[in-house]
């Protein structure tokens, strides 16, 4: 039996998997699991302690959140917000037929809001300037090495991300073994020492929150946007500077590669919902940029 449970009917169409899937850091993420019956398990560190949350959606749309651990009460109380309860699409105009169709086919795609800023910051930093698979492997290794065993009857062994105090003192050789270069390692360690101030950003305006995040060395516009998409539920947070994004958006909307500046111009009609447009494009099946030439290379940081 769960320590805490909450059942609720979302006030707007909500698709559990499409909404919360953006929080998963690869198929091997030790803090996230999708089991065979469609339930989503998520291990997290709440302001009240560690918790494991199990989310399942009934055929009528009702969602059940069950949680275990010291942070179970906080986790189930926050579950509707996690599932995009505050995500408002009432002023979103798809404009283009292709986007209108994607929006119609995916009415339950919401922007989640965890409110856990530092928790979202660490994997975002790990994803800087490396291929996604490499970053996901670093996250997996570090959680298995330093994460806490997730409470509850998890469908498979899971780990809660380490507390800031642990991230701050991860030995140099452990970063190396996880394939993380000294610059990213130092960014995480520095941010960990100010985790409380970083978590305050969840209660700030968007501008102030971004300013708070980018105040820290190694946290730029791209990283702040990746955090805002998950911790703040920001439907407009655009990952400017992403290795692939501008070209993917360009081919989906105008049929060619775009620079970041051109992408911003193309997406201007959807200001306020630009990240939503990106998510819808990903779910739409619209044309993607053809693969030409080499992918971004795997970078071996273990020699540092």
C-alpha atoms as a PDB file:
ATOM      1  CA  UNK A   1       0.000   0.000   0.000  1.00  0.00           C
ATOM      2  CA  UNK A   2       1.261   3.456  -0.891  1.00  0.00           C
ATOM      3  CA  UNK A   3       2.176   5.953   1.815  1.00  0.00           C
ATOM      4  CA  UNK A   4       0.067   8.584   0.041  1.00  0.00           C
ATOM      5  CA  UNK A   5      -2.422   8.500  -2.832  1.00  0.00           C
ATOM      6  CA  UNK A   6      -4.318  11.030  -4.914  1.00  0.00           C
ATOM      7  CA  UNK A   7      -6.902  10.509  -7.658  1.00  0.00           C
ATOM      8  CA  UNK A   8      -7.974  13.404  -9.817  1.00  0.00           C
ATOM      9  CA  UNK A   9      -9.635  14.228 -13.097  1.00  0.00           C
ATOM     10  CA  UNK A  10      -7.476  16.723 -15.031  1.00  0.00           C
ATOM     11  CA  UNK A  11      -9.363  19.870 -15.972  1.00  0.00           C
ATOM     12  CA  UNK A  12      -8.217  19.560 -19.579  1.00  0.00           C
ATOM     13  CA  UNK A  13      -7.179  16.615 -21.806  1.00  0.00           C
ATOM     14  CA  UNK A  14      -3.944  15.177 -20.437  1.00  0.00           C
ATOM     15  CA  UNK A  15      -1.873  12.344 -21.849  1.00  0.00           C
ATOM     16  CA  UNK A  16       0.281  10.850 -19.097  1.00  0.00           C
ATOM     17  CA  UNK A  17       3.036   9.497 -21.323  1.00  0.00           C
ATOM     18  CA  UNK A  18       3.328  12.404 -23.760  1.00  0.00           C
ATOM     19  CA  UNK A  19       3.347  14.913 -20.918  1.00  0.00           C
ATOM     20  CA  UNK A  20       5.791  13.357 -18.497  1.00  0.00           C
ATOM     21  CA  UNK A  21       8.021  11.691 -21.096  1.00  0.00           C
ATOM     22  CA  UNK A  22      10.200  14.795 -21.420  1.00  0.00           C
ATOM     23  CA  UNK A  23      11.466  14.187 -17.864  1.00  0.00           C
ATOM     24  CA  UNK A  24      13.045  10.870 -18.812  1.00  0.00           C
ATOM     25  CA  UNK A  25      16.797  11.017 -19.498  1.00  0.00           C
ATOM     26  CA  UNK A  26      17.091   8.064 -21.831  1.00  0.00           C
ATOM     27  CA  UNK A  27      15.783   4.484 -21.599  1.00  0.00           C
ATOM     28  CA  UNK A  28      18.336   3.641 -18.897  1.00  0.00           C
ATOM     29  CA  UNK A  29      17.419   6.517 -16.574  1.00  0.00           C
ATOM     30  CA  UNK A  30      17.543   5.003 -13.054  1.00  0.00           C
ATOM     31  CA  UNK A  31      15.079   7.628 -11.763  1.00  0.00           C
ATOM     32  CA  UNK A  32      12.354   6.955 -14.368  1.00  0.00           C
ATOM     33  CA  UNK A  33      10.585   3.789 -15.467  1.00  0.00           C
ATOM     34  CA  UNK A  34       7.630   2.910 -17.670  1.00  0.00           C
ATOM     35  CA  UNK A  35       6.291  -0.492 -16.722  1.00  0.00           C
ATOM     36  CA  UNK A  36       4.324  -3.000 -18.777  1.00  0.00           C
ATOM     37  CA  UNK A  37       0.912  -1.858 -17.571  1.00  0.00           C
ATOM     38  CA  UNK A  38       1.626   1.717 -18.670  1.00  0.00           C
ATOM     39  CA  UNK A  39       2.356   3.134 -15.222  1.00  0.00           C
ATOM     40  CA  UNK A  40       5.126   5.704 -14.918  1.00  0.00           C
ATOM     41  CA  UNK A  41       7.474   5.480 -11.935  1.00  0.00           C
ATOM     42  CA  UNK A  42       9.542   8.517 -11.002  1.00  0.00           C
ATOM     43  CA  UNK A  43      12.098   8.784  -8.188  1.00  0.00           C
ATOM     44  CA  UNK A  44      12.688  12.323  -6.962  1.00  0.00           C
ATOM     45  CA  UNK A  45      14.040  14.393  -4.104  1.00  0.00           C
ATOM     46  CA  UNK A  46      11.318  16.692  -2.779  1.00  0.00           C
ATOM     47  CA  UNK A  47      11.679  19.546  -0.244  1.00  0.00           C
ATOM     48  CA  UNK A  48      10.362  17.056   2.352  1.00  0.00           C
ATOM     49  CA  UNK A  49      12.617  14.134   1.437  1.00  0.00           C
ATOM     50  CA  UNK A  50      12.999  11.412  -1.160  1.00  0.00           C
ATOM     51  CA  UNK A  51       9.958   9.935  -2.840  1.00  0.00           C
ATOM     52  CA  UNK A  52       8.949   7.489  -5.511  1.00  0.00           C
ATOM     53  CA  UNK A  53       5.795   8.374  -7.442  1.00  0.00           C
ATOM     54  CA  UNK A  54       3.743   5.942  -9.503  1.00  0.00           C
ATOM     55  CA  UNK A  55       1.397   7.567 -12.005  1.00  0.00           C
ATOM     56  CA  UNK A  56      -1.262   5.657 -13.906  1.00  0.00           C
ATOM     57  CA  UNK A  57      -4.089   6.872 -16.130  1.00  0.00           C
ATOM     58  CA  UNK A  58      -7.483   5.209 -16.368  1.00  0.00           C
ATOM     59  CA  UNK A  59      -9.450   4.935 -19.609  1.00  0.00           C
ATOM     60  CA  UNK A  60     -11.655   7.862 -18.633  1.00  0.00           C
ATOM     61  CA  UNK A  61      -8.661  10.144 -18.184  1.00  0.00           C
ATOM     62  CA  UNK A  62      -8.527  10.012 -14.382  1.00  0.00           C
ATOM     63  CA  UNK A  63      -4.962   9.944 -13.075  1.00  0.00           C
ATOM     64  CA  UNK A  64      -3.840   8.217  -9.888  1.00  0.00           C
ATOM     65  CA  UNK A  65      -0.642   9.219  -8.106  1.00  0.00           C
ATOM     66  CA  UNK A  66       0.736   6.878  -5.471  1.00  0.00           C
ATOM     67  CA  UNK A  67       3.903   7.714  -3.571  1.00  0.00           C
ATOM     68  CA  UNK A  68       6.305   6.207  -1.060  1.00  0.00           C
ATOM     69  CA  UNK A  69       8.994   7.717   1.127  1.00  0.00           C
ATOM     70  CA  UNK A  70       9.391  10.780   3.384  1.00  0.00           C
ATOM     71  CA  UNK A  71       8.438  13.097   0.515  1.00  0.00           C
ATOM     72  CA  UNK A  72       5.328  11.129  -0.485  1.00  0.00           C
ATOM     73  CA  UNK A  73       2.845  13.739   0.748  1.00  0.00           C
ATOM     74  CA  UNK A  74       4.575  16.541  -1.140  1.00  0.00           C
ATOM     75  CA  UNK A  75       4.877  14.386  -4.257  1.00  0.00           C
ATOM     76  CA  UNK A  76       1.183  13.494  -4.547  1.00  0.00           C
ATOM     77  CA  UNK A  77       0.086  17.047  -3.732  1.00  0.00           C
ATOM     78  CA  UNK A  78       2.320  18.323  -6.537  1.00  0.00           C
ATOM     79  CA  UNK A  79       1.310  15.597  -9.019  1.00  0.00           C
ATOM     80  CA  UNK A  80      -1.394  17.624 -10.848  1.00  0.00           C
ATOM     81  CA  UNK A  81       1.117  20.430 -11.388  1.00  0.00           C
ATOM     82  CA  UNK A  82       3.667  17.861 -12.544  1.00  0.00           C
ATOM     83  CA  UNK A  83       1.111  16.692 -15.105  1.00  0.00           C
ATOM     84  CA  UNK A  84       0.581  20.168 -16.565  1.00  0.00           C
ATOM     85  CA  UNK A  85      -2.494  21.239 -14.616  1.00  0.00           C
ATOM     86  CA  UNK A  86      -1.438  24.883 -14.980  1.00  0.00           C
ATOM     87  CA  UNK A  87      -0.531  24.561 -18.667  1.00  0.00           C
ATOM     88  CA  UNK A  88      -2.962  26.840 -20.481  1.00  0.00           C
ATOM     89  CA  UNK A  89      -3.481  26.448 -24.238  1.00  0.00           C
ATOM     90  CA  UNK A  90      -6.521  28.716 -24.474  1.00  0.00           C
ATOM     91  CA  UNK A  91      -4.589  31.418 -26.353  1.00  0.00           C
ATOM     92  CA  UNK A  92      -2.596  29.023 -28.528  1.00  0.00           C
ATOM     93  CA  UNK A  93      -3.382  29.402 -32.232  1.00  0.00           C
ATOM     94  CA  UNK A  94      -1.667  26.707 -34.340  1.00  0.00           C
ATOM     95  CA  UNK A  95      -2.079  28.925 -37.464  1.00  0.00           C
ATOM     96  CA  UNK A  96      -0.671  26.332 -39.888  1.00  0.00           C
ATOM     97  CA  UNK A  97      -2.762  23.353 -40.974  1.00  0.00           C
ATOM     98  CA  UNK A  98       0.043  20.920 -40.109  1.00  0.00           C
ATOM     99  CA  UNK A  99       0.350  22.282 -36.565  1.00  0.00           C
ATOM    100  CA  UNK A 100      -3.416  22.455 -36.187  1.00  0.00           C
ATOM    101  CA  UNK A 101      -3.585  18.774 -37.103  1.00  0.00           C
ATOM    102  CA  UNK A 102      -0.761  17.910 -34.666  1.00  0.00           C
ATOM    103  CA  UNK A 103      -2.526  19.832 -31.898  1.00  0.00           C
ATOM    104  CA  UNK A 104      -5.807  18.070 -32.683  1.00  0.00           C
ATOM    105  CA  UNK A 105      -4.144  14.652 -32.646  1.00  0.00           C
ATOM    106  CA  UNK A 106      -2.292  15.372 -29.387  1.00  0.00           C
ATOM    107  CA  UNK A 107      -4.749  17.293 -27.190  1.00  0.00           C
ATOM    108  CA  UNK A 108      -3.260  15.757 -24.063  1.00  0.00           C
ATOM    109  CA  UNK A 109       0.316  16.904 -24.660  1.00  0.00           C
ATOM    110  CA  UNK A 110       0.969  19.218 -21.717  1.00  0.00           C
ATOM    111  CA  UNK A 111       4.081  20.971 -20.456  1.00  0.00           C
ATOM    112  CA  UNK A 112       5.017  19.430 -17.085  1.00  0.00           C
ATOM    113  CA  UNK A 113       6.154  21.488 -14.094  1.00  0.00           C
ATOM    114  CA  UNK A 114       8.247  19.773 -11.422  1.00  0.00           C
ATOM    115  CA  UNK A 115       9.224  22.989  -9.503  1.00  0.00           C
ATOM    116  CA  UNK A 116      12.502  21.179  -8.675  1.00  0.00           C
ATOM    117  CA  UNK A 117      15.007  23.469 -10.328  1.00  0.00           C
ATOM    118  CA  UNK A 118      18.333  22.049  -9.210  1.00  0.00           C
ATOM    119  CA  UNK A 119      17.116  18.532  -9.994  1.00  0.00           C
ATOM    120  CA  UNK A 120      16.436  19.647 -13.583  1.00  0.00           C
ATOM    121  CA  UNK A 121      19.672  21.610 -13.834  1.00  0.00           C
ATOM    122  CA  UNK A 122      22.120  18.737 -13.308  1.00  0.00           C
ATOM    123  CA  UNK A 123      21.095  16.582 -16.309  1.00  0.00           C
ATOM    124  CA  UNK A 124      20.782  19.718 -18.445  1.00  0.00           C
ATOM    125  CA  UNK A 125      24.403  20.583 -17.671  1.00  0.00           C
ATOM    126  CA  UNK A 126      25.449  17.014 -18.482  1.00  0.00           C
ATOM    127  CA  UNK A 127      23.818  17.418 -21.913  1.00  0.00           C
ATOM    128  CA  UNK A 128      25.866  20.485 -22.822  1.00  0.00           C
ATOM    129  CA  UNK A 129      28.004  20.115 -25.967  1.00  0.00           C
ATOM    130  CA  UNK A 130      27.811  16.307 -26.169  1.00  0.00           C
ATOM    131  CA  UNK A 131      25.560  13.859 -27.955  1.00  0.00           C
ATOM    132  CA  UNK A 132      22.407  12.930 -26.073  1.00  0.00           C
ATOM    133  CA  UNK A 133      23.337   9.253 -25.717  1.00  0.00           C
ATOM    134  CA  UNK A 134      26.596  10.214 -24.052  1.00  0.00           C
ATOM    135  CA  UNK A 135      24.878  12.553 -21.606  1.00  0.00           C
ATOM    136  CA  UNK A 136      22.276   9.933 -20.744  1.00  0.00           C
ATOM    137  CA  UNK A 137      24.997   7.388 -20.021  1.00  0.00           C
ATOM    138  CA  UNK A 138      26.749   9.891 -17.719  1.00  0.00           C
ATOM    139  CA  UNK A 139      23.482  10.500 -15.846  1.00  0.00           C
ATOM    140  CA  UNK A 140      22.875   6.753 -15.507  1.00  0.00           C
ATOM    141  CA  UNK A 141      26.374   6.059 -14.177  1.00  0.00           C
ATOM    142  CA  UNK A 142      26.319   8.914 -11.681  1.00  0.00           C
ATOM    143  CA  UNK A 143      22.904   7.986 -10.281  1.00  0.00           C
ATOM    144  CA  UNK A 144      23.854   4.343  -9.933  1.00  0.00           C
ATOM    145  CA  UNK A 145      27.053   5.354  -8.140  1.00  0.00           C
ATOM    146  CA  UNK A 146      25.759   8.186  -5.922  1.00  0.00           C
ATOM    147  CA  UNK A 147      21.968   8.036  -5.977  1.00  0.00           C
ATOM    148  CA  UNK A 148      19.863   6.770  -3.090  1.00  0.00           C
ATOM    149  CA  UNK A 149      17.791   3.610  -3.461  1.00  0.00           C
ATOM    150  CA  UNK A 150      14.263   4.707  -4.332  1.00  0.00           C
ATOM    151  CA  UNK A 151      11.614   3.906  -1.694  1.00  0.00           C
ATOM    152  CA  UNK A 152       8.588   1.779  -2.396  1.00  0.00           C
ATOM    153  CA  UNK A 153       7.830  -1.382  -4.399  1.00  0.00           C
ATOM    154  CA  UNK A 154       9.376  -0.106  -7.624  1.00  0.00           C
ATOM    155  CA  UNK A 155       8.871  -2.179 -10.750  1.00  0.00           C
ATOM    156  CA  UNK A 156      12.659  -2.369 -11.124  1.00  0.00           C
ATOM    157  CA  UNK A 157      15.581  -1.067  -9.007  1.00  0.00           C
ATOM    158  CA  UNK A 158      15.567   2.740  -9.150  1.00  0.00           C
ATOM    159  CA  UNK A 159      17.684   5.565  -7.777  1.00  0.00           C
ATOM    160  CA  UNK A 160      16.808   8.999  -6.426  1.00  0.00           C
ATOM    161  CA  UNK A 161      19.175  11.720  -7.721  1.00  0.00           C
ATOM    162  CA  UNK A 162      21.815  12.625  -5.116  1.00  0.00           C
ATOM    163  CA  UNK A 163      21.322  15.651  -2.839  1.00  0.00           C
ATOM    164  CA  UNK A 164      23.240  18.851  -3.644  1.00  0.00           C
ATOM    165  CA  UNK A 165      25.759  18.126  -0.881  1.00  0.00           C
ATOM    166  CA  UNK A 166      26.767  14.943  -2.700  1.00  0.00           C
ATOM    167  CA  UNK A 167      26.950  16.541  -6.153  1.00  0.00           C
ATOM    168  CA  UNK A 168      29.259  19.181  -4.676  1.00  0.00           C
ATOM    169  CA  UNK A 169      31.890  16.635  -3.647  1.00  0.00           C
ATOM    170  CA  UNK A 170      31.807  13.996  -6.397  1.00  0.00           C
ATOM    171  CA  UNK A 171      35.489  13.077  -6.821  1.00  0.00           C
ATOM    172  CA  UNK A 172      37.254  14.094 -10.006  1.00  0.00           C
ATOM    173  CA  UNK A 173      37.890  10.485 -10.995  1.00  0.00           C
ATOM    174  CA  UNK A 174      34.193   9.634 -10.713  1.00  0.00           C
ATOM    175  CA  UNK A 175      33.318  12.429 -13.135  1.00  0.00           C
ATOM    176  CA  UNK A 176      35.984  11.015 -15.472  1.00  0.00           C
ATOM    177  CA  UNK A 177      34.578   7.492 -15.246  1.00  0.00           C
ATOM    178  CA  UNK A 178      31.146   8.887 -16.099  1.00  0.00           C
ATOM    179  CA  UNK A 179      32.561  10.655 -19.163  1.00  0.00           C
ATOM    180  CA  UNK A 180      32.034  14.184 -17.842  1.00  0.00           C
ATOM    181  CA  UNK A 181      34.685  16.799 -18.638  1.00  0.00           C
ATOM    182  CA  UNK A 182      36.056  19.146 -15.933  1.00  0.00           C
ATOM    183  CA  UNK A 183      34.053  22.161 -17.135  1.00  0.00           C
ATOM    184  CA  UNK A 184      30.659  20.468 -16.790  1.00  0.00           C
ATOM    185  CA  UNK A 185      31.703  18.795 -13.549  1.00  0.00           C
ATOM    186  CA  UNK A 186      32.700  22.161 -12.076  1.00  0.00           C
ATOM    187  CA  UNK A 187      29.426  23.722 -13.226  1.00  0.00           C
ATOM    188  CA  UNK A 188      27.418  21.077 -11.350  1.00  0.00           C
ATOM    189  CA  UNK A 189      29.629  21.279  -8.248  1.00  0.00           C
ATOM    190  CA  UNK A 190      29.378  25.079  -8.109  1.00  0.00           C
ATOM    191  CA  UNK A 191      25.613  25.079  -8.630  1.00  0.00           C
ATOM    192  CA  UNK A 192      25.216  22.414  -5.930  1.00  0.00           C
ATOM    193  CA  UNK A 193      26.705  24.767  -3.340  1.00  0.00           C
ATOM    194  CA  UNK A 194      23.921  27.247  -4.108  1.00  0.00           C
ATOM    195  CA  UNK A 195      21.093  24.773  -4.685  1.00  0.00           C
ATOM    196  CA  UNK A 196      18.687  26.520  -2.317  1.00  0.00           C
ATOM    197  CA  UNK A 197      19.049  29.798  -4.205  1.00  0.00           C
ATOM    198  CA  UNK A 198      18.653  27.959  -7.502  1.00  0.00           C
ATOM    199  CA  UNK A 199      15.447  26.260  -6.327  1.00  0.00           C
ATOM    200  CA  UNK A 200      14.032  29.688  -5.422  1.00  0.00           C
ATOM    201  CA  UNK A 201      13.795  30.359  -9.154  1.00  0.00           C
ATOM    202  CA  UNK A 202      10.617  28.236  -9.302  1.00  0.00           C
ATOM    203  CA  UNK A 203       8.784  31.037  -7.488  1.00  0.00           C
ATOM    204  CA  UNK A 204      10.144  33.880  -9.626  1.00  0.00           C
ATOM    205  CA  UNK A 205       8.984  35.521 -12.821  1.00  0.00           C
ATOM    206  CA  UNK A 206      10.357  33.971 -15.988  1.00  0.00           C
ATOM    207  CA  UNK A 207      12.855  36.783 -16.537  1.00  0.00           C
ATOM    208  CA  UNK A 208      14.088  36.735 -12.944  1.00  0.00           C
ATOM    209  CA  UNK A 209      14.312  32.934 -12.939  1.00  0.00           C
ATOM    210  CA  UNK A 210      16.445  32.887 -16.089  1.00  0.00           C
ATOM    211  CA  UNK A 211      18.617  35.642 -14.649  1.00  0.00           C
ATOM    212  CA  UNK A 212      19.089  33.632 -11.458  1.00  0.00           C
ATOM    213  CA  UNK A 213      20.105  30.514 -13.379  1.00  0.00           C
ATOM    214  CA  UNK A 214      22.449  32.207 -15.831  1.00  0.00           C
ATOM    215  CA  UNK A 215      24.176  34.023 -12.979  1.00  0.00           C
ATOM    216  CA  UNK A 216      26.087  30.798 -12.314  1.00  0.00           C
ATOM    217  CA  UNK A 217      29.196  30.050 -14.403  1.00  0.00           C
ATOM    218  CA  UNK A 218      28.553  27.439 -17.066  1.00  0.00           C
ATOM    219  CA  UNK A 219      24.788  27.982 -17.172  1.00  0.00           C
ATOM    220  CA  UNK A 220      23.804  29.771 -20.351  1.00  0.00           C
ATOM    221  CA  UNK A 221      20.672  30.422 -22.365  1.00  0.00           C
ATOM    222  CA  UNK A 222      20.361  26.868 -23.683  1.00  0.00           C
ATOM    223  CA  UNK A 223      20.721  25.257 -20.258  1.00  0.00           C
ATOM    224  CA  UNK A 224      18.305  27.715 -18.649  1.00  0.00           C
ATOM    225  CA  UNK A 225      15.706  26.891 -21.308  1.00  0.00           C
ATOM    226  CA  UNK A 226      16.102  23.150 -20.764  1.00  0.00           C
ATOM    227  CA  UNK A 227      15.488  23.703 -17.051  1.00  0.00           C
ATOM    228  CA  UNK A 228      12.544  26.036 -17.648  1.00  0.00           C
ATOM    229  CA  UNK A 229      10.816  23.476 -19.867  1.00  0.00           C
ATOM    230  CA  UNK A 230      10.746  20.965 -17.023  1.00  0.00           C
ATOM    231  CA  UNK A 231      10.956  22.763 -13.693  1.00  0.00           C
ATOM    232  CA  UNK A 232       8.887  25.854 -14.585  1.00  0.00           C
ATOM    233  CA  UNK A 233       6.483  24.354 -17.111  1.00  0.00           C
ATOM    234  CA  UNK A 234       7.462  27.140 -19.509  1.00  0.00           C
ATOM    235  CA  UNK A 235       5.680  26.578 -22.828  1.00  0.00           C
ATOM    236  CA  UNK A 236       7.793  29.288 -24.477  1.00  0.00           C
ATOM    237  CA  UNK A 237      11.289  28.176 -23.377  1.00  0.00           C
ATOM    238  CA  UNK A 238      13.252  27.671 -26.576  1.00  0.00           C
ATOM    239  CA  UNK A 239      16.592  25.847 -26.492  1.00  0.00           C
ATOM    240  CA  UNK A 240      18.517  28.371 -28.562  1.00  0.00           C
ATOM    241  CA  UNK A 241      21.929  27.069 -29.523  1.00  0.00           C
ATOM    242  CA  UNK A 242      20.815  23.450 -29.732  1.00  0.00           C
ATOM    243  CA  UNK A 243      22.876  21.411 -32.196  1.00  0.00           C
ATOM    244  CA  UNK A 244      19.833  20.184 -34.161  1.00  0.00           C
ATOM    245  CA  UNK A 245      16.804  22.255 -33.196  1.00  0.00           C
ATOM    246  CA  UNK A 246      16.916  25.142 -35.670  1.00  0.00           C
ATOM    247  CA  UNK A 247      17.344  22.802 -38.630  1.00  0.00           C
ATOM    248  CA  UNK A 248      14.637  20.428 -37.437  1.00  0.00           C
ATOM    249  CA  UNK A 249      12.202  23.312 -36.985  1.00  0.00           C
ATOM    250  CA  UNK A 250      13.258  24.725 -40.339  1.00  0.00           C
ATOM    251  CA  UNK A 251      12.609  21.538 -42.280  1.00  0.00           C
ATOM    252  CA  UNK A 252       9.282  20.940 -40.537  1.00  0.00           C
ATOM    253  CA  UNK A 253       7.946  24.465 -41.126  1.00  0.00           C
ATOM    254  CA  UNK A 254       9.733  25.952 -44.158  1.00  0.00           C
ATOM    255  CA  UNK A 255      11.556  23.042 -45.755  1.00  0.00           C
ATOM    256  CA  UNK A 256      15.171  24.097 -45.200  1.00  0.00           C
ATOM    257  CA  UNK A 257      17.928  24.587 -42.643  1.00  0.00           C
ATOM    258  CA  UNK A 258      17.673  27.660 -40.420  1.00  0.00           C
ATOM    259  CA  UNK A 259      20.067  29.593 -38.252  1.00  0.00           C
ATOM    260  CA  UNK A 260      18.992  30.299 -34.687  1.00  0.00           C
ATOM    261  CA  UNK A 261      18.065  33.856 -35.648  1.00  0.00           C
ATOM    262  CA  UNK A 262      15.978  32.600 -38.558  1.00  0.00           C
ATOM    263  CA  UNK A 263      14.299  30.054 -36.301  1.00  0.00           C
ATOM    264  CA  UNK A 264      13.344  32.806 -33.867  1.00  0.00           C
ATOM    265  CA  UNK A 265      11.832  34.782 -36.734  1.00  0.00           C
ATOM    266  CA  UNK A 266       9.865  31.770 -38.015  1.00  0.00           C
ATOM    267  CA  UNK A 267       8.539  30.950 -34.532  1.00  0.00           C
ATOM    268  CA  UNK A 268       7.653  34.549 -33.614  1.00  0.00           C
ATOM    269  CA  UNK A 269       3.929  34.104 -34.425  1.00  0.00           C
ATOM    270  CA  UNK A 270       3.798  31.514 -31.632  1.00  0.00           C
ATOM    271  CA  UNK A 271       5.578  33.575 -28.974  1.00  0.00           C
ATOM    272  CA  UNK A 272       4.397  32.340 -25.605  1.00  0.00           C
ATOM    273  CA  UNK A 273       4.100  28.795 -26.983  1.00  0.00           C
ATOM    274  CA  UNK A 274       7.332  28.268 -28.927  1.00  0.00           C
ATOM    275  CA  UNK A 275       8.404  25.237 -26.898  1.00  0.00           C
ATOM    276  CA  UNK A 276       4.894  23.828 -27.306  1.00  0.00           C
ATOM    277  CA  UNK A 277       5.324  24.151 -31.068  1.00  0.00           C
ATOM    278  CA  UNK A 278       8.609  22.247 -30.848  1.00  0.00           C
ATOM    279  CA  UNK A 279       6.930  19.464 -28.842  1.00  0.00           C
ATOM    280  CA  UNK A 280       4.046  19.298 -31.321  1.00  0.00           C
ATOM    281  CA  UNK A 281       6.439  19.150 -34.254  1.00  0.00           C
ATOM    282  CA  UNK A 282       8.156  16.230 -32.568  1.00  0.00           C
ATOM    283  CA  UNK A 283       4.846  14.415 -32.199  1.00  0.00           C
ATOM    284  CA  UNK A 284       3.471  15.354 -35.615  1.00  0.00           C
ATOM    285  CA  UNK A 285       5.454  13.236 -38.034  1.00  0.00           C
ATOM    286  CA  UNK A 286       6.250  16.310 -40.142  1.00  0.00           C
ATOM    287  CA  UNK A 287       9.388  16.082 -42.300  1.00  0.00           C
ATOM    288  CA  UNK A 288      12.671  16.157 -40.431  1.00  0.00           C
ATOM    289  CA  UNK A 289      16.024  17.309 -41.690  1.00  0.00           C
ATOM    290  CA  UNK A 290      17.606  14.612 -43.888  1.00  0.00           C
ATOM    291  CA  UNK A 291      20.755  13.142 -42.391  1.00  0.00           C
ATOM    292  CA  UNK A 292      23.820  14.400 -44.248  1.00  0.00           C
ATOM    293  CA  UNK A 293      27.404  13.953 -43.128  1.00  0.00           C
ATOM    294  CA  UNK A 294      28.661  12.925 -39.718  1.00  0.00           C
ATOM    295  CA  UNK A 295      26.670  13.263 -36.536  1.00  0.00           C
ATOM    296  CA  UNK A 296      27.988  15.213 -33.597  1.00  0.00           C
ATOM    297  CA  UNK A 297      30.928  13.064 -32.419  1.00  0.00           C
ATOM    298  CA  UNK A 298      31.210  11.106 -29.197  1.00  0.00           C
ATOM    299  CA  UNK A 299      33.732  12.940 -27.062  1.00  0.00           C
ATOM    300  CA  UNK A 300      35.934  10.867 -24.746  1.00  0.00           C
ATOM    301  CA  UNK A 301      36.508  12.874 -21.535  1.00  0.00           C
ATOM    302  CA  UNK A 302      38.039  10.052 -19.523  1.00  0.00           C
ATOM    303  CA  UNK A 303      41.588  11.174 -20.424  1.00  0.00           C
ATOM    304  CA  UNK A 304      41.353  14.456 -18.482  1.00  0.00           C
END
